[in-house]
Amino acid sequence: MGGSFPTSGAPRAGSAEALPRPSGHGLQKLKQNGDLPIARIFLSAVELECPTPDEFRLALESAGQAELPLLRRFNTVFDTVITVAPMLGLLGTVLGLIASFSSLNLGSGDTTQTGAVTGGISEALISTATGLIVAITVLLFANGFRSLYRRQRALIEEYGGQLELLYRRHQLQDRQDMAQLSGNPSGFPQPNPSRR
């Protein structure tokens, strides 16, 4: 497990530094993909100088929490369009019906006004259909976007957990390597037998 994080000139076990820095290639790949949320999250933790496992985890969590609003930034727009579009369609329906009824001249017995009445009703139906089409289309995009957000969040959590686990294993391996060099095979502090 000691090779989990490739090194580039970083000190090995037994030196003052607890963990080597990531290799230039891995760090370069993350920086090249800096436009991806997961790369920015990983960079925030990997670029720390010799963090403890808790600091590493906190850096991952903090960066992840900072990225979540960016992933959800279009939710409000989608929700607004989905809500407003049917309302505008309903408004068009009401206005079309008002135009239809205002063109009626009740009591005159004139049947030539049917064109104005049907024109107002068709305007009402077209505006309703348009509002519903816009709302349904945006709803489909919004659901796709929310599904993508959930998948991205799950991947970020999964890969972040794997990276943290690799970091912890690497730190434990380094501790054990240093302990073997110092004659303590467990890697953990031993009780002082002279204190009994």
C-alpha atoms as a PDB file:
ATOM      1  CA  MET A   1       0.000   0.000   0.000  1.00  0.00           C
ATOM      2  CA  GLY A   2       2.991   2.282   0.399  1.00  0.00           C
ATOM      3  CA  GLY A   3       2.867   3.009  -3.351  1.00  0.00           C
ATOM      4  CA  SER A   4      -0.668   4.412  -3.376  1.00  0.00           C
ATOM      5  CA  PHE A   5       0.595   7.957  -3.873  1.00  0.00           C
ATOM      6  CA  PRO A   6       3.420   8.085  -6.393  1.00  0.00           C
ATOM      7  CA  THR A   7       6.161  10.439  -5.407  1.00  0.00           C
ATOM      8  CA  SER A   8       8.345  12.877  -7.242  1.00  0.00           C
ATOM      9  CA  GLY A   9      11.381  13.594  -5.160  1.00  0.00           C
ATOM     10  CA  ALA A  10       9.394  13.434  -1.929  1.00  0.00           C
ATOM     11  CA  PRO A  11      10.953  12.000   1.217  1.00  0.00           C
ATOM     12  CA  ARG A  12      10.310   8.365   2.009  1.00  0.00           C
ATOM     13  CA  ALA A  13       9.306   6.699   5.257  1.00  0.00           C
ATOM     14  CA  GLY A  14      11.471   7.604   8.210  1.00  0.00           C
ATOM     15  CA  SER A  15      11.903  11.218   7.146  1.00  0.00           C
ATOM     16  CA  ALA A  16      10.404  14.286   8.762  1.00  0.00           C
ATOM     17  CA  GLU A  17       7.495  14.463   6.343  1.00  0.00           C
ATOM     18  CA  ALA A  18       4.686  11.983   7.005  1.00  0.00           C
ATOM     19  CA  LEU A  19       3.488  11.612   3.421  1.00  0.00           C
ATOM     20  CA  PRO A  20       4.954  12.214  -0.002  1.00  0.00           C
ATOM     21  CA  ARG A  21       3.380  14.709  -2.346  1.00  0.00           C
ATOM     22  CA  PRO A  22       1.410  13.334  -5.293  1.00  0.00           C
ATOM     23  CA  SER A  23       3.379  12.843  -8.478  1.00  0.00           C
ATOM     24  CA  GLY A  24       3.629  15.637 -10.972  1.00  0.00           C
ATOM     25  CA  HIS A  25       1.641  13.583 -13.495  1.00  0.00           C
ATOM     26  CA  GLY A  26      -1.351  13.005 -11.192  1.00  0.00           C
ATOM     27  CA  LEU A  27      -1.360  16.584  -9.982  1.00  0.00           C
ATOM     28  CA  GLN A  28      -1.012  17.836 -13.542  1.00  0.00           C
ATOM     29  CA  LYS A  29      -4.015  15.713 -14.630  1.00  0.00           C
ATOM     30  CA  LEU A  30      -6.114  17.187 -11.827  1.00  0.00           C
ATOM     31  CA  LYS A  31      -5.064  20.719 -12.757  1.00  0.00           C
ATOM     32  CA  GLN A  32      -5.787  20.096 -16.449  1.00  0.00           C
ATOM     33  CA  ASN A  33      -9.320  19.096 -15.477  1.00  0.00           C
ATOM     34  CA  GLY A  34      -9.759  22.011 -13.086  1.00  0.00           C
ATOM     35  CA  ASP A  35     -13.062  22.867 -14.755  1.00  0.00           C
ATOM     36  CA  LEU A  36     -14.555  19.643 -13.339  1.00  0.00           C
ATOM     37  CA  PRO A  37     -15.977  19.798  -9.813  1.00  0.00           C
ATOM     38  CA  ILE A  38     -14.382  16.517  -8.751  1.00  0.00           C
ATOM     39  CA  ALA A  39     -10.922  17.719  -9.831  1.00  0.00           C
ATOM     40  CA  ARG A  40     -11.299  20.951  -7.836  1.00  0.00           C
ATOM     41  CA  ILE A  41     -12.422  18.965  -4.786  1.00  0.00           C
ATOM     42  CA  PHE A  42      -9.492  16.553  -4.991  1.00  0.00           C
ATOM     43  CA  LEU A  43      -7.000  19.354  -5.601  1.00  0.00           C
ATOM     44  CA  SER A  44      -8.115  21.117  -2.422  1.00  0.00           C
ATOM     45  CA  ALA A  45      -7.096  18.086  -0.360  1.00  0.00           C
ATOM     46  CA  VAL A  46      -4.109  16.847  -2.348  1.00  0.00           C
ATOM     47  CA  GLU A  47      -2.371  20.222  -2.395  1.00  0.00           C
ATOM     48  CA  LEU A  48      -2.295  20.436   1.416  1.00  0.00           C
ATOM     49  CA  GLU A  49       1.143  20.167   3.000  1.00  0.00           C
ATOM     50  CA  CYS A  50       1.317  16.925   5.050  1.00  0.00           C
ATOM     51  CA  PRO A  51      -2.252  16.945   6.348  1.00  0.00           C
ATOM     52  CA  THR A  52      -3.494  14.580   9.002  1.00  0.00           C
ATOM     53  CA  PRO A  53      -6.253  12.186   7.869  1.00  0.00           C
ATOM     54  CA  ASP A  54      -8.823  14.433   9.574  1.00  0.00           C
ATOM     55  CA  GLU A  55      -7.505  17.525   7.817  1.00  0.00           C
ATOM     56  CA  PHE A  56      -7.531  15.641   4.522  1.00  0.00           C
ATOM     57  CA  ARG A  57     -11.158  14.565   5.075  1.00  0.00           C
ATOM     58  CA  LEU A  58     -12.191  18.088   6.111  1.00  0.00           C
ATOM     59  CA  ALA A  59     -10.569  19.553   3.002  1.00  0.00           C
ATOM     60  CA  LEU A  60     -12.498  17.081   0.824  1.00  0.00           C
ATOM     61  CA  GLU A  61     -15.778  17.775   2.628  1.00  0.00           C
ATOM     62  CA  SER A  62     -15.353  21.555   2.579  1.00  0.00           C
ATOM     63  CA  ALA A  63     -14.513  21.631  -1.106  1.00  0.00           C
ATOM     64  CA  GLY A  64     -17.423  19.277  -1.823  1.00  0.00           C
ATOM     65  CA  GLN A  65     -19.834  21.525   0.063  1.00  0.00           C
ATOM     66  CA  ALA A  66     -18.540  24.530  -1.878  1.00  0.00           C
ATOM     67  CA  GLU A  67     -19.115  22.738  -5.205  1.00  0.00           C
ATOM     68  CA  LEU A  68     -22.690  21.599  -4.529  1.00  0.00           C
ATOM     69  CA  PRO A  69     -24.290  25.026  -5.068  1.00  0.00           C
ATOM     70  CA  LEU A  70     -22.426  25.321  -8.374  1.00  0.00           C
ATOM     71  CA  LEU A  71     -23.870  21.987  -9.488  1.00  0.00           C
ATOM     72  CA  ARG A  72     -27.385  23.128  -8.567  1.00  0.00           C
ATOM     73  CA  ARG A  73     -27.124  26.674  -9.912  1.00  0.00           C
ATOM     74  CA  PHE A  74     -29.801  26.253 -12.621  1.00  0.00           C
ATOM     75  CA  ASN A  75     -32.421  24.657 -10.365  1.00  0.00           C
ATOM     76  CA  THR A  76     -34.054  27.991  -9.548  1.00  0.00           C
ATOM     77  CA  VAL A  77     -34.324  28.929 -13.220  1.00  0.00           C
ATOM     78  CA  PHE A  78     -35.881  25.583 -14.093  1.00  0.00           C
ATOM     79  CA  ASP A  79     -38.331  25.770 -11.197  1.00  0.00           C
ATOM     80  CA  THR A  80     -39.334  29.327 -12.153  1.00  0.00           C
ATOM     81  CA  VAL A  81     -39.961  28.474 -15.810  1.00  0.00           C
ATOM     82  CA  ILE A  82     -41.870  25.318 -14.880  1.00  0.00           C
ATOM     83  CA  THR A  83     -44.106  27.324 -12.544  1.00  0.00           C
ATOM     84  CA  VAL A  84     -44.561  30.459 -14.654  1.00  0.00           C
ATOM     85  CA  ALA A  85     -45.165  28.878 -18.094  1.00  0.00           C
ATOM     86  CA  PRO A  86     -48.545  27.285 -17.238  1.00  0.00           C
ATOM     87  CA  MET A  87     -49.572  30.489 -15.466  1.00  0.00           C
ATOM     88  CA  LEU A  88     -48.827  32.492 -18.618  1.00  0.00           C
ATOM     89  CA  GLY A  89     -50.793  29.930 -20.605  1.00  0.00           C
ATOM     90  CA  LEU A  90     -53.702  30.363 -18.215  1.00  0.00           C
ATOM     91  CA  LEU A  91     -53.421  34.141 -18.517  1.00  0.00           C
ATOM     92  CA  GLY A  92     -53.573  33.799 -22.317  1.00  0.00           C
ATOM     93  CA  THR A  93     -56.650  31.595 -21.943  1.00  0.00           C
ATOM     94  CA  VAL A  94     -58.417  34.157 -19.808  1.00  0.00           C
ATOM     95  CA  LEU A  95     -57.484  37.016 -22.169  1.00  0.00           C
ATOM     96  CA  GLY A  96     -58.621  34.989 -25.200  1.00  0.00           C
ATOM     97  CA  LEU A  97     -61.960  34.208 -23.572  1.00  0.00           C
ATOM     98  CA  ILE A  98     -62.412  37.849 -22.586  1.00  0.00           C
ATOM     99  CA  ALA A  99     -61.778  38.841 -26.218  1.00  0.00           C
ATOM    100  CA  SER A 100     -64.291  36.200 -27.375  1.00  0.00           C
ATOM    101  CA  PHE A 101     -67.011  37.338 -25.015  1.00  0.00           C
ATOM    102  CA  SER A 102     -66.418  41.016 -25.640  1.00  0.00           C
ATOM    103  CA  SER A 103     -66.948  40.454 -29.370  1.00  0.00           C
ATOM    104  CA  LEU A 104     -70.379  38.976 -28.694  1.00  0.00           C
ATOM    105  CA  ASN A 105     -73.262  41.352 -29.096  1.00  0.00           C
ATOM    106  CA  LEU A 106     -75.990  39.550 -27.203  1.00  0.00           C
ATOM    107  CA  GLY A 107     -79.523  40.316 -28.226  1.00  0.00           C
ATOM    108  CA  SER A 108     -78.666  41.648 -31.675  1.00  0.00           C
ATOM    109  CA  GLY A 109     -79.243  38.275 -33.375  1.00  0.00           C
ATOM    110  CA  ASP A 110     -76.250  38.856 -35.626  1.00  0.00           C
ATOM    111  CA  THR A 111     -74.520  35.572 -36.449  1.00  0.00           C
ATOM    112  CA  THR A 112     -71.606  37.157 -38.329  1.00  0.00           C
ATOM    113  CA  GLN A 113     -69.680  37.576 -35.059  1.00  0.00           C
ATOM    114  CA  THR A 114     -68.777  33.917 -34.899  1.00  0.00           C
ATOM    115  CA  GLY A 115     -65.363  34.560 -36.481  1.00  0.00           C
ATOM    116  CA  ALA A 116     -64.362  36.896 -33.670  1.00  0.00           C
ATOM    117  CA  VAL A 117     -65.642  34.452 -31.039  1.00  0.00           C
ATOM    118  CA  THR A 118     -63.819  31.466 -32.514  1.00  0.00           C
ATOM    119  CA  GLY A 119     -60.680  33.578 -32.975  1.00  0.00           C
ATOM    120  CA  GLY A 120     -60.700  34.445 -29.263  1.00  0.00           C
ATOM    121  CA  ILE A 121     -61.279  30.816 -28.275  1.00  0.00           C
ATOM    122  CA  SER A 122     -58.455  29.599 -30.538  1.00  0.00           C
ATOM    123  CA  GLU A 123     -56.177  32.258 -29.012  1.00  0.00           C
ATOM    124  CA  ALA A 124     -57.111  30.937 -25.563  1.00  0.00           C
ATOM    125  CA  LEU A 125     -56.404  27.330 -26.522  1.00  0.00           C
ATOM    126  CA  ILE A 126     -53.106  28.137 -28.275  1.00  0.00           C
ATOM    127  CA  SER A 127     -51.788  30.080 -25.289  1.00  0.00           C
ATOM    128  CA  THR A 128     -52.766  27.257 -22.915  1.00  0.00           C
ATOM    129  CA  ALA A 129     -51.084  24.656 -25.105  1.00  0.00           C
ATOM    130  CA  THR A 130     -47.961  26.803 -25.496  1.00  0.00           C
ATOM    131  CA  GLY A 131     -47.661  27.315 -21.733  1.00  0.00           C
ATOM    132  CA  LEU A 132     -48.035  23.585 -21.108  1.00  0.00           C
ATOM    133  CA  ILE A 133     -45.544  22.652 -23.860  1.00  0.00           C
ATOM    134  CA  VAL A 134     -42.939  25.032 -22.434  1.00  0.00           C
ATOM    135  CA  ALA A 135     -43.507  23.785 -18.871  1.00  0.00           C
ATOM    136  CA  ILE A 136     -43.367  20.102 -19.849  1.00  0.00           C
ATOM    137  CA  THR A 137     -40.224  20.576 -21.969  1.00  0.00           C
ATOM    138  CA  VAL A 138     -38.410  22.464 -19.213  1.00  0.00           C
ATOM    139  CA  LEU A 139     -39.600  19.889 -16.658  1.00  0.00           C
ATOM    140  CA  LEU A 140     -37.974  17.120 -18.713  1.00  0.00           C
ATOM    141  CA  PHE A 141     -34.698  19.076 -18.866  1.00  0.00           C
ATOM    142  CA  ALA A 142     -34.917  19.890 -15.154  1.00  0.00           C
ATOM    143  CA  ASN A 143     -35.442  16.235 -14.238  1.00  0.00           C
ATOM    144  CA  GLY A 144     -32.486  15.244 -16.404  1.00  0.00           C
ATOM    145  CA  PHE A 145     -30.380  17.945 -14.788  1.00  0.00           C
ATOM    146  CA  ARG A 146     -31.427  16.845 -11.270  1.00  0.00           C
ATOM    147  CA  SER A 147     -30.596  13.246 -12.146  1.00  0.00           C
ATOM    148  CA  LEU A 148     -27.161  14.355 -13.369  1.00  0.00           C
ATOM    149  CA  TYR A 149     -26.688  16.327 -10.143  1.00  0.00           C
ATOM    150  CA  ARG A 150     -27.543  13.283  -8.012  1.00  0.00           C
ATOM    151  CA  ARG A 151     -25.146  11.090 -10.016  1.00  0.00           C
ATOM    152  CA  GLN A 152     -22.375  13.677  -9.760  1.00  0.00           C
ATOM    153  CA  ARG A 153     -22.901  14.016  -6.025  1.00  0.00           C
ATOM    154  CA  ALA A 154     -22.827  10.237  -5.534  1.00  0.00           C
ATOM    155  CA  LEU A 155     -19.630   9.949  -7.601  1.00  0.00           C
ATOM    156  CA  ILE A 156     -17.986  12.785  -5.689  1.00  0.00           C
ATOM    157  CA  GLU A 157     -18.853  11.114  -2.383  1.00  0.00           C
ATOM    158  CA  GLU A 158     -17.721   7.675  -3.604  1.00  0.00           C
ATOM    159  CA  TYR A 159     -14.417   8.808  -5.102  1.00  0.00           C
ATOM    160  CA  GLY A 160     -13.759  11.204  -2.248  1.00  0.00           C
ATOM    161  CA  GLY A 161     -14.207   8.332   0.191  1.00  0.00           C
ATOM    162  CA  GLN A 162     -11.870   6.139  -1.860  1.00  0.00           C
ATOM    163  CA  LEU A 163      -9.248   8.888  -1.974  1.00  0.00           C
ATOM    164  CA  GLU A 164      -9.521   9.396   1.780  1.00  0.00           C
ATOM    165  CA  LEU A 165      -9.187   5.647   2.344  1.00  0.00           C
ATOM    166  CA  LEU A 166      -6.089   5.501   0.134  1.00  0.00           C
ATOM    167  CA  TYR A 167      -4.629   8.439   2.033  1.00  0.00           C
ATOM    168  CA  ARG A 168      -5.282   6.798   5.402  1.00  0.00           C
ATOM    169  CA  ARG A 169      -3.796   3.492   4.222  1.00  0.00           C
ATOM    170  CA  HIS A 170      -0.754   5.259   2.860  1.00  0.00           C
ATOM    171  CA  GLN A 171      -0.264   7.143   6.121  1.00  0.00           C
ATOM    172  CA  LEU A 172      -0.620   3.916   8.121  1.00  0.00           C
ATOM    173  CA  GLN A 173       1.904   2.209   5.836  1.00  0.00           C
ATOM    174  CA  ASP A 174       4.336   5.098   6.296  1.00  0.00           C
ATOM    175  CA  ARG A 175       3.870   4.917  10.064  1.00  0.00           C
ATOM    176  CA  GLN A 176       4.567   1.189  10.001  1.00  0.00           C
ATOM    177  CA  ASP A 177       7.630   1.696   7.789  1.00  0.00           C
ATOM    178  CA  MET A 178       8.984   4.308  10.184  1.00  0.00           C
ATOM    179  CA  ALA A 179       8.239   2.032  13.134  1.00  0.00           C
ATOM    180  CA  GLN A 180      10.152  -0.841  11.549  1.00  0.00           C
ATOM    181  CA  LEU A 181      13.088   1.439  11.024  1.00  0.00           C
ATOM    182  CA  SER A 182      12.938   2.439  14.685  1.00  0.00           C
ATOM    183  CA  GLY A 183      12.372  -1.138  15.961  1.00  0.00           C
ATOM    184  CA  ASN A 184       8.633  -0.832  16.781  1.00  0.00           C
ATOM    185  CA  PRO A 185       6.796  -3.212  14.371  1.00  0.00           C
ATOM    186  CA  SER A 186       3.247  -2.136  15.366  1.00  0.00           C
ATOM    187  CA  GLY A 187       3.649   1.472  14.342  1.00  0.00           C
ATOM    188  CA  PHE A 188       1.896   2.627  17.489  1.00  0.00           C
ATOM    189  CA  PRO A 189       3.516   4.038  20.639  1.00  0.00           C
ATOM    190  CA  GLN A 190       4.597   1.321  23.048  1.00  0.00           C
ATOM    191  CA  PRO A 191       4.225   1.586  26.829  1.00  0.00           C
ATOM    192  CA  ASN A 192       7.414   2.344  28.673  1.00  0.00           C
ATOM    193  CA  PRO A 193       8.261  -0.788  30.765  1.00  0.00           C
ATOM    194  CA  SER A 194      10.380   1.255  33.195  1.00  0.00           C
ATOM    195  CA  ARG A 195       7.273   3.158  34.413  1.00  0.00           C
ATOM    196  CA  ARG A 196       5.678   0.154  36.107  1.00  0.00           C
END
